[in-house]
Amino acid sequence: MLRWSAKKLSEMSRVSLPTIQRMEGARGLLRSSVESVMKIEQALEDAGIAFIDEDEKLGPGVRLRKSGRE
């Protein structure tokens, strides 16, 4: 959605590039620190990504905000 490279995500989240690459290549449960995941989530939210909780009909998802944070 943002068309960010792993390097850009690393810069924006302040999580090391090797950590992001390891997370991207992981299969199954993610094995990473809560701090790293929270930094990445915050960077994505700051850039306009909205995380959507699952409900009884649909699973979780993401969408791009129209303009910044609301």
N, C-alpha and C. Protein backbone atom coordinates (compact mmCIF):
# COMPACT_ATOMS: atom_id res chain seq x y z
N MET A 1 0.81 -1.19 0.00
CA MET A 1 0.00 0.00 0.00
C MET A 1 0.86 1.26 0.00
N LEU A 2 1.93 1.22 0.74
CA LEU A 2 2.81 2.39 0.82
C LEU A 2 3.94 2.33 -0.21
N ARG A 3 4.17 1.13 -0.75
CA ARG A 3 5.26 0.89 -1.70
C ARG A 3 6.63 1.16 -1.06
N TRP A 4 6.74 0.82 0.21
CA TRP A 4 8.00 0.96 0.93
C TRP A 4 8.85 -0.28 0.73
N SER A 5 10.13 -0.07 0.62
CA SER A 5 11.08 -1.18 0.63
C SER A 5 11.32 -1.58 2.10
N ALA A 6 11.96 -2.71 2.28
CA ALA A 6 12.33 -3.13 3.64
C ALA A 6 13.27 -2.09 4.25
N LYS A 7 14.13 -1.51 3.43
CA LYS A 7 15.06 -0.49 3.92
C LYS A 7 14.30 0.75 4.41
N LYS A 8 13.29 1.17 3.67
CA LYS A 8 12.49 2.33 4.06
C LYS A 8 11.74 2.04 5.37
N LEU A 9 11.16 0.84 5.48
CA LEU A 9 10.47 0.46 6.71
C LEU A 9 11.43 0.45 7.88
N SER A 10 12.64 -0.02 7.65
CA SER A 10 13.66 -0.02 8.68
C SER A 10 13.97 1.40 9.15
N GLU A 11 14.13 2.29 8.20
CA GLU A 11 14.43 3.68 8.54
C GLU A 11 13.27 4.33 9.30
N MET A 12 12.05 4.10 8.84
CA MET A 12 10.89 4.75 9.44
C MET A 12 10.53 4.17 10.80
N SER A 13 10.82 2.90 11.01
CA SER A 13 10.45 2.24 12.27
C SER A 13 11.60 2.19 13.28
N ARG A 14 12.82 2.41 12.80
CA ARG A 14 14.01 2.28 13.63
C ARG A 14 14.21 0.84 14.12
N VAL A 15 13.80 -0.10 13.26
CA VAL A 15 14.05 -1.53 13.48
C VAL A 15 15.09 -1.93 12.44
N SER A 16 16.08 -2.71 12.84
CA SER A 16 17.16 -3.03 11.92
C SER A 16 16.66 -3.75 10.67
N LEU A 17 17.34 -3.52 9.57
CA LEU A 17 16.99 -4.17 8.31
C LEU A 17 17.05 -5.69 8.42
N PRO A 18 18.09 -6.28 9.03
CA PRO A 18 18.09 -7.74 9.17
C PRO A 18 16.89 -8.27 9.96
N THR A 19 16.45 -7.53 10.97
CA THR A 19 15.28 -7.96 11.74
C THR A 19 14.03 -7.95 10.86
N ILE A 20 13.85 -6.91 10.08
CA ILE A 20 12.69 -6.83 9.19
C ILE A 20 12.75 -7.94 8.15
N GLN A 21 13.92 -8.18 7.58
CA GLN A 21 14.05 -9.25 6.59
C GLN A 21 13.74 -10.62 7.20
N ARG A 22 14.18 -10.83 8.43
CA ARG A 22 13.89 -12.09 9.12
C ARG A 22 12.39 -12.23 9.36
N MET A 23 11.75 -11.14 9.76
CA MET A 23 10.31 -11.16 10.00
C MET A 23 9.55 -11.43 8.70
N GLU A 24 9.98 -10.82 7.61
CA GLU A 24 9.31 -11.02 6.32
C GLU A 24 9.43 -12.46 5.84
N GLY A 25 10.53 -13.11 6.14
CA GLY A 25 10.76 -14.46 5.67
C GLY A 25 10.21 -15.54 6.59
N ALA A 26 9.66 -15.13 7.72
CA ALA A 26 9.18 -16.10 8.71
C ALA A 26 7.93 -16.82 8.20
N ARG A 27 7.86 -18.09 8.55
CA ARG A 27 6.65 -18.89 8.27
C ARG A 27 6.03 -19.26 9.61
N GLY A 28 4.73 -19.21 9.68
CA GLY A 28 4.07 -19.54 10.94
C GLY A 28 4.10 -18.36 11.90
N LEU A 29 4.17 -18.68 13.17
CA LEU A 29 4.17 -17.64 14.20
C LEU A 29 5.41 -16.78 14.09
N LEU A 30 5.22 -15.49 14.26
CA LEU A 30 6.31 -14.53 14.20
C LEU A 30 7.12 -14.59 15.48
N ARG A 31 8.41 -14.74 15.34
CA ARG A 31 9.29 -14.74 16.51
C ARG A 31 10.13 -13.47 16.48
N SER A 32 9.62 -12.47 17.16
CA SER A 32 10.30 -11.18 17.23
C SER A 32 9.89 -10.52 18.53
N SER A 33 10.64 -9.52 18.93
CA SER A 33 10.31 -8.84 20.18
C SER A 33 9.05 -8.00 20.00
N VAL A 34 8.31 -7.87 21.07
CA VAL A 34 7.11 -7.03 21.06
C VAL A 34 7.50 -5.61 20.69
N GLU A 35 8.63 -5.16 21.18
CA GLU A 35 9.09 -3.79 20.89
C GLU A 35 9.26 -3.57 19.39
N SER A 36 9.87 -4.52 18.69
CA SER A 36 10.07 -4.39 17.24
C SER A 36 8.74 -4.35 16.51
N VAL A 37 7.84 -5.22 16.87
CA VAL A 37 6.52 -5.26 16.22
C VAL A 37 5.78 -3.95 16.47
N MET A 38 5.84 -3.43 17.68
CA MET A 38 5.15 -2.19 18.00
C MET A 38 5.75 -1.00 17.23
N LYS A 39 7.07 -0.98 17.08
CA LYS A 39 7.72 0.09 16.32
C LYS A 39 7.28 0.07 14.86
N ILE A 40 7.20 -1.13 14.29
CA ILE A 40 6.78 -1.26 12.90
C ILE A 40 5.32 -0.85 12.75
N GLU A 41 4.47 -1.32 13.65
CA GLU A 41 3.06 -0.95 13.60
C GLU A 41 2.90 0.56 13.70
N GLN A 42 3.62 1.20 14.59
CA GLN A 42 3.51 2.65 14.76
C GLN A 42 3.97 3.39 13.50
N ALA A 43 5.06 2.94 12.89
CA ALA A 43 5.56 3.57 11.67
C ALA A 43 4.52 3.47 10.55
N LEU A 44 3.89 2.31 10.43
CA LEU A 44 2.87 2.12 9.40
C LEU A 44 1.64 2.98 9.69
N GLU A 45 1.22 3.04 10.93
CA GLU A 45 0.08 3.89 11.28
C GLU A 45 0.40 5.36 11.02
N ASP A 46 1.60 5.79 11.36
CA ASP A 46 2.00 7.18 11.13
C ASP A 46 1.99 7.52 9.64
N ALA A 47 2.21 6.51 8.79
CA ALA A 47 2.22 6.72 7.34
C ALA A 47 0.83 6.59 6.72
N GLY A 48 -0.18 6.27 7.55
CA GLY A 48 -1.55 6.25 7.05
C GLY A 48 -2.20 4.88 6.94
N ILE A 49 -1.56 3.85 7.44
CA ILE A 49 -2.16 2.52 7.42
C ILE A 49 -3.08 2.38 8.63
N ALA A 50 -4.27 1.86 8.40
CA ALA A 50 -5.23 1.59 9.48
C ALA A 50 -5.37 0.08 9.62
N PHE A 51 -5.17 -0.43 10.82
CA PHE A 51 -5.34 -1.85 11.10
C PHE A 51 -6.80 -2.08 11.52
N ILE A 52 -7.41 -3.10 10.95
CA ILE A 52 -8.82 -3.38 11.19
C ILE A 52 -8.94 -4.69 11.95
N ASP A 53 -9.63 -4.65 13.09
CA ASP A 53 -9.84 -5.85 13.88
C ASP A 53 -10.81 -6.78 13.17
N GLU A 54 -10.68 -8.07 13.44
CA GLU A 54 -11.63 -9.02 12.87
C GLU A 54 -12.96 -8.91 13.61
N ASP A 55 -14.01 -9.33 12.93
CA ASP A 55 -15.32 -9.40 13.57
C ASP A 55 -15.90 -10.79 13.31
N GLU A 56 -17.17 -10.97 13.58
CA GLU A 56 -17.75 -12.31 13.45
C GLU A 56 -17.87 -12.77 12.00
N LYS A 57 -17.78 -11.86 11.03
CA LYS A 57 -17.91 -12.23 9.62
C LYS A 57 -16.59 -12.19 8.86
N LEU A 58 -15.73 -11.25 9.19
CA LEU A 58 -14.50 -11.03 8.44
C LEU A 58 -13.27 -11.13 9.33
N GLY A 59 -12.17 -11.51 8.74
CA GLY A 59 -10.91 -11.57 9.46
C GLY A 59 -10.28 -10.19 9.57
N PRO A 60 -9.13 -10.11 10.22
CA PRO A 60 -8.44 -8.82 10.36
C PRO A 60 -7.93 -8.34 9.00
N GLY A 61 -7.65 -7.05 8.93
CA GLY A 61 -7.15 -6.50 7.68
C GLY A 61 -6.49 -5.15 7.87
N VAL A 62 -6.15 -4.53 6.77
CA VAL A 62 -5.56 -3.19 6.77
C VAL A 62 -6.19 -2.39 5.65
N ARG A 63 -6.15 -1.08 5.81
CA ARG A 63 -6.57 -0.20 4.72
C ARG A 63 -5.76 1.09 4.83
N LEU A 64 -5.75 1.85 3.77
CA LEU A 64 -5.03 3.12 3.72
C LEU A 64 -5.99 4.23 4.07
N ARG A 65 -5.63 5.06 5.04
CA ARG A 65 -6.49 6.18 5.42
C ARG A 65 -6.54 7.19 4.26
N LYS A 66 -7.64 7.93 4.19
CA LYS A 66 -7.77 8.93 3.14
C LYS A 66 -6.75 10.04 3.30
N SER A 67 -6.58 10.52 4.55
CA SER A 67 -5.62 11.59 4.77
C SER A 67 -5.12 11.56 6.20
N GLY A 68 -3.89 11.11 6.37
CA GLY A 68 -3.27 11.11 7.68
C GLY A 68 -4.03 10.35 8.74
N ARG A 69 -3.68 10.61 9.99
CA ARG A 69 -4.34 9.95 11.12
C ARG A 69 -5.59 10.70 11.51
N GLU A 70 -6.57 9.94 11.93
CA GLU A 70 -7.83 10.55 12.37
C GLU A 70 -7.98 10.40 13.85
